[in-house]
Amino acid sequence: MHHLVIDRWSRGSSPLHQRDPRAKLAALLVFLIALSTTPPAAQAAFVAYAILLIVAANLARLPIRGLAGRAALVLPFSATFALLTWWSGDSLRALGLAEKSFLSGMAALLLVGTTPLTGWTAALESWHAPRMLILVIQFVYRYLFVIAEQAQRMRWAALSRRGSRKRSRRVSFQFSAAAGLVGVLFARSWQRADGIYHAMLARGFRGRFVPAAPPPFQTSDALFFSACLAGCLAIRLLL
């Protein structure tokens, strides 16, 4: 499961992991603004953005192939608009749309891969982001683990009813492709989620996860953000 791998990545101890989540979130916003305003004809700028992300991934000690593979998951969603733009005769703009989607996804993965959920949601909380948005993010992330665990149990149950793994490959494929599996997974996950929610209410949950007090913003965090800002501005204005 992708979210399990990313959660394990976020528990690292690299220099990028140690930076303040507010500095990393601000750096991400600067990068996305610079990237989105770059004209499609500036292909050298997109190469420079990619190099900047590769340097950050190496600094964070994260696998570049793993990041790129997961960032590529956004391409099917942007491919429709890119193909329409390509067919309209603007091939350069279509290429720029695909490049921006991929690089944006990789930058966002770098943030969540170097910052635990509690860190960057606390940063959003300190910026007075809408509380409902933060709450939805927190619940969706936590319930992904519930769904993943339930799906794994159903897979094990299907395999155990078929004996050997070699014999069960075809049957398990047919079983996983059945529409009824989705309904069973939804029903069981809903029951688990409802039980978790009532347990939270019994423990005093009142519609908000109280964030921990953020650590003081250090000089190294300010230097990190300044370096990211200078790099993005240099790429945007000079290339």
Protein backbone atom coordinates (compact mmCIF):
# COMPACT_ATOMS: atom_id res chain seq x y z
CA MET A 1 0.00 0.00 0.00
CA HIS A 2 1.39 3.37 -1.05
CA HIS A 3 0.34 5.21 2.10
CA LEU A 4 2.10 2.62 4.30
CA VAL A 5 5.36 3.14 2.43
CA ILE A 6 5.05 6.93 2.59
CA ASP A 7 4.30 6.80 6.30
CA ARG A 8 7.47 4.78 6.82
CA TRP A 9 9.43 7.30 4.75
CA SER A 10 8.16 10.18 6.89
CA ARG A 11 9.76 8.66 10.01
CA GLY A 12 13.30 9.17 8.73
CA SER A 13 16.07 11.24 10.27
CA SER A 14 17.62 13.04 7.31
CA PRO A 15 18.40 16.78 7.35
CA LEU A 16 15.22 17.40 5.36
CA HIS A 17 13.15 15.39 7.83
CA GLN A 18 14.44 17.60 10.64
CA ARG A 19 13.30 20.86 9.08
CA ASP A 20 10.21 22.58 10.46
CA PRO A 21 6.98 21.48 8.71
CA ARG A 22 6.00 25.13 8.26
CA ALA A 23 9.21 25.82 6.34
CA LYS A 24 8.68 22.76 4.13
CA LEU A 25 5.04 23.63 3.48
CA ALA A 26 5.97 27.20 2.55
CA ALA A 27 8.73 25.89 0.27
CA LEU A 28 6.21 23.60 -1.43
CA LEU A 29 3.85 26.51 -2.07
CA VAL A 30 6.67 28.59 -3.54
CA PHE A 31 7.70 25.70 -5.79
CA LEU A 32 4.14 25.10 -7.00
CA ILE A 33 3.58 28.78 -7.76
CA ALA A 34 6.84 29.03 -9.68
CA LEU A 35 6.11 25.81 -11.55
CA SER A 36 2.54 26.70 -12.46
CA THR A 37 3.53 30.12 -13.83
CA THR A 38 6.41 28.80 -15.95
CA PRO A 39 5.54 28.97 -19.69
CA PRO A 40 5.55 25.64 -21.56
CA ALA A 41 8.27 26.89 -23.92
CA ALA A 42 10.78 27.12 -21.04
CA GLN A 43 11.77 23.45 -21.16
CA ALA A 44 15.13 24.22 -19.54
CA ALA A 45 13.24 25.45 -16.47
CA PHE A 46 11.38 22.15 -16.14
CA VAL A 47 14.69 20.29 -16.27
CA ALA A 48 16.01 22.58 -13.52
CA TYR A 49 12.89 21.95 -11.40
CA ALA A 50 13.43 18.20 -11.80
CA ILE A 51 17.08 18.52 -10.75
CA LEU A 52 15.99 20.53 -7.70
CA LEU A 53 13.59 17.75 -6.69
CA ILE A 54 16.23 15.07 -7.24
CA VAL A 55 18.65 16.97 -5.00
CA ALA A 56 15.94 17.26 -2.32
CA ALA A 57 15.15 13.53 -2.59
CA ASN A 58 18.83 12.65 -2.17
CA LEU A 59 19.04 15.00 0.80
CA ALA A 60 16.02 13.24 2.33
CA ARG A 61 17.49 9.79 1.52
CA LEU A 62 14.34 8.74 -0.30
CA PRO A 63 14.32 6.40 -3.34
CA ILE A 64 13.98 8.51 -6.46
CA ARG A 65 12.42 5.64 -8.42
CA GLY A 66 9.81 5.13 -5.72
CA LEU A 67 8.97 8.82 -5.67
CA ALA A 68 8.79 9.05 -9.46
CA GLY A 69 6.64 5.93 -9.73
CA ARG A 70 4.12 7.23 -7.24
CA ALA A 71 4.15 10.74 -8.73
CA ALA A 72 3.36 9.19 -12.13
CA LEU A 73 -0.01 8.08 -10.74
CA VAL A 74 -1.31 11.61 -11.39
CA LEU A 75 -0.52 11.37 -15.11
CA PRO A 76 -3.65 9.37 -16.09
CA PHE A 77 -5.80 12.18 -14.67
CA SER A 78 -3.95 14.93 -16.54
CA ALA A 79 -3.44 12.82 -19.69
CA THR A 80 -7.00 13.49 -20.85
CA PHE A 81 -6.50 17.25 -20.88
CA ALA A 82 -3.00 16.87 -22.33
CA LEU A 83 -4.33 14.74 -25.20
CA LEU A 84 -7.11 17.21 -25.93
CA THR A 85 -4.57 20.01 -26.01
CA TRP A 86 -2.30 17.92 -28.24
CA TRP A 87 -5.12 17.22 -30.70
CA SER A 88 -5.99 20.92 -30.80
CA GLY A 89 -2.55 21.54 -32.25
CA ASP A 90 -0.69 22.88 -29.20
CA SER A 91 1.74 20.03 -28.53
CA LEU A 92 4.13 22.15 -26.46
CA ARG A 93 1.37 23.17 -24.06
CA ALA A 94 0.27 19.54 -23.74
CA LEU A 95 3.81 18.51 -22.86
CA GLY A 96 4.04 21.31 -20.31
CA LEU A 97 0.78 20.19 -18.69
CA ALA A 98 2.09 16.65 -18.23
CA GLU A 99 5.41 17.93 -16.89
CA LYS A 100 3.75 20.27 -14.40
CA SER A 101 1.44 17.51 -13.16
CA PHE A 102 4.31 15.07 -12.64
CA LEU A 103 6.63 17.57 -10.94
CA SER A 104 3.82 18.86 -8.70
CA GLY A 105 3.02 15.32 -7.59
CA MET A 106 6.66 14.60 -6.87
CA ALA A 107 7.02 17.82 -4.84
CA ALA A 108 3.93 16.99 -2.78
CA LEU A 109 5.27 13.47 -2.17
CA LEU A 110 8.53 14.95 -0.93
CA LEU A 111 6.59 16.92 1.66
CA VAL A 112 4.52 14.02 2.97
CA GLY A 113 7.48 11.64 2.64
CA THR A 114 9.63 13.78 4.94
CA THR A 115 6.95 15.02 7.35
CA PRO A 116 4.54 12.92 9.45
CA LEU A 117 0.85 13.66 9.06
CA THR A 118 0.69 15.31 12.47
CA GLY A 119 3.51 17.65 11.45
CA TRP A 120 2.11 19.14 8.27
CA THR A 121 -1.48 19.22 9.51
CA ALA A 122 -0.23 21.13 12.57
CA ALA A 123 1.48 23.52 10.14
CA LEU A 124 -1.84 24.00 8.34
CA GLU A 125 -3.51 24.55 11.70
CA SER A 126 -0.99 27.26 12.59
CA TRP A 127 -1.76 28.96 9.27
CA HIS A 128 -5.47 28.98 10.21
CA ALA A 129 -6.49 26.70 7.37
CA PRO A 130 -10.17 25.65 7.40
CA ARG A 131 -10.63 23.26 10.29
CA MET A 132 -13.02 21.06 8.32
CA LEU A 133 -10.42 20.57 5.59
CA ILE A 134 -7.79 19.53 8.14
CA LEU A 135 -10.24 17.16 9.83
CA VAL A 136 -11.15 15.50 6.53
CA ILE A 137 -7.45 14.98 5.70
CA GLN A 138 -6.80 13.44 9.11
CA PHE A 139 -9.77 11.08 8.94
CA VAL A 140 -9.13 9.98 5.35
CA TYR A 141 -5.49 9.22 6.10
CA ARG A 142 -6.28 7.22 9.23
CA TYR A 143 -9.13 5.26 7.65
CA LEU A 144 -6.88 4.27 4.74
CA PHE A 145 -5.14 2.00 7.22
CA VAL A 146 -8.48 0.49 8.24
CA ILE A 147 -9.41 -0.27 4.62
CA ALA A 148 -5.93 -1.64 3.85
CA GLU A 149 -6.03 -3.97 6.85
CA GLN A 150 -9.51 -5.20 5.97
CA ALA A 151 -8.54 -5.82 2.33
CA GLN A 152 -5.46 -7.77 3.46
CA ARG A 153 -7.57 -9.96 5.75
CA MET A 154 -10.02 -10.69 2.93
CA ARG A 155 -7.14 -11.62 0.63
CA TRP A 156 -5.71 -14.02 3.22
CA ALA A 157 -9.14 -15.57 3.74
CA ALA A 158 -9.54 -16.11 -0.01
CA LEU A 159 -6.10 -17.73 -0.27
CA SER A 160 -6.68 -19.99 2.74
CA ARG A 161 -9.81 -21.43 1.13
CA ARG A 162 -7.86 -22.49 -1.97
CA GLY A 163 -4.89 -24.38 -0.55
CA SER A 164 -1.64 -23.75 -2.42
CA ARG A 165 -0.72 -20.28 -3.61
CA LYS A 166 0.21 -21.60 -7.07
CA ARG A 167 -3.23 -23.04 -7.59
CA SER A 168 -4.99 -20.01 -6.14
CA ARG A 169 -3.53 -17.39 -8.47
CA ARG A 170 -6.23 -17.67 -11.10
CA VAL A 171 -9.04 -18.06 -8.58
CA SER A 172 -7.81 -15.15 -6.44
CA PHE A 173 -7.66 -12.97 -9.55
CA GLN A 174 -11.25 -13.84 -10.40
CA PHE A 175 -12.26 -13.27 -6.78
CA SER A 176 -10.56 -9.86 -6.58
CA ALA A 177 -12.16 -8.84 -9.87
CA ALA A 178 -15.66 -9.65 -8.65
CA ALA A 179 -17.90 -6.70 -7.92
CA GLY A 180 -19.13 -8.32 -4.73
CA LEU A 181 -15.68 -7.98 -3.18
CA VAL A 182 -15.93 -4.21 -3.27
CA GLY A 183 -19.31 -4.29 -1.54
CA VAL A 184 -18.08 -6.62 1.20
CA LEU A 185 -14.96 -4.51 1.71
CA PHE A 186 -17.05 -1.35 1.97
CA ALA A 187 -19.49 -2.90 4.46
CA ARG A 188 -16.78 -4.27 6.73
CA SER A 189 -14.72 -1.10 6.56
CA TRP A 190 -17.79 0.97 7.39
CA GLN A 191 -18.47 -1.20 10.45
CA ARG A 192 -14.86 -0.84 11.61
CA ALA A 193 -14.90 2.92 11.01
CA ASP A 194 -18.17 3.33 12.90
CA GLY A 195 -16.75 1.41 15.86
CA ILE A 196 -13.60 3.54 15.82
CA TYR A 197 -15.64 6.74 15.73
CA HIS A 198 -17.76 5.70 18.73
CA ALA A 199 -14.60 4.74 20.61
CA MET A 200 -13.21 8.21 19.88
CA LEU A 201 -16.39 9.82 21.20
CA ALA A 202 -16.16 7.71 24.36
CA ARG A 203 -12.62 9.03 24.87
CA GLY A 204 -13.67 12.66 24.62
CA PHE A 205 -13.34 13.50 20.91
CA ARG A 206 -15.26 16.71 20.18
CA GLY A 207 -14.71 17.24 16.47
CA ARG A 208 -11.06 18.27 16.51
CA PHE A 209 -7.66 16.66 16.95
CA VAL A 210 -5.75 18.97 19.28
CA PRO A 211 -2.36 19.61 17.65
CA ALA A 212 0.84 19.63 19.65
CA ALA A 213 2.53 22.96 20.21
CA PRO A 214 4.83 23.63 17.23
CA PRO A 215 8.56 23.84 17.97
CA PRO A 216 10.26 27.22 17.67
CA PHE A 217 11.19 28.25 14.14
CA GLN A 218 14.97 27.93 14.02
CA THR A 219 17.57 29.74 11.94
CA SER A 220 18.27 26.58 9.94
CA ASP A 221 14.59 26.41 8.97
CA ALA A 222 14.67 30.01 7.77
CA LEU A 223 17.84 29.30 5.78
CA PHE A 224 16.21 26.24 4.23
CA PHE A 225 13.18 28.22 3.12
CA SER A 226 15.36 31.06 1.83
CA ALA A 227 17.41 28.61 -0.24
CA CYS A 228 14.26 27.06 -1.72
CA LEU A 229 12.82 30.51 -2.46
CA ALA A 230 16.05 31.68 -4.12
CA GLY A 231 16.33 28.51 -6.19
CA CYS A 232 12.73 28.65 -7.44
CA LEU A 233 12.95 32.36 -8.26
CA ALA A 234 16.26 31.88 -10.09
CA ILE A 235 14.79 29.09 -12.23
CA ARG A 236 11.58 31.00 -12.89
CA LEU A 237 13.19 34.31 -13.83
CA LEU A 238 16.42 33.24 -15.50
CA LEU A 239 15.43 30.19 -17.55
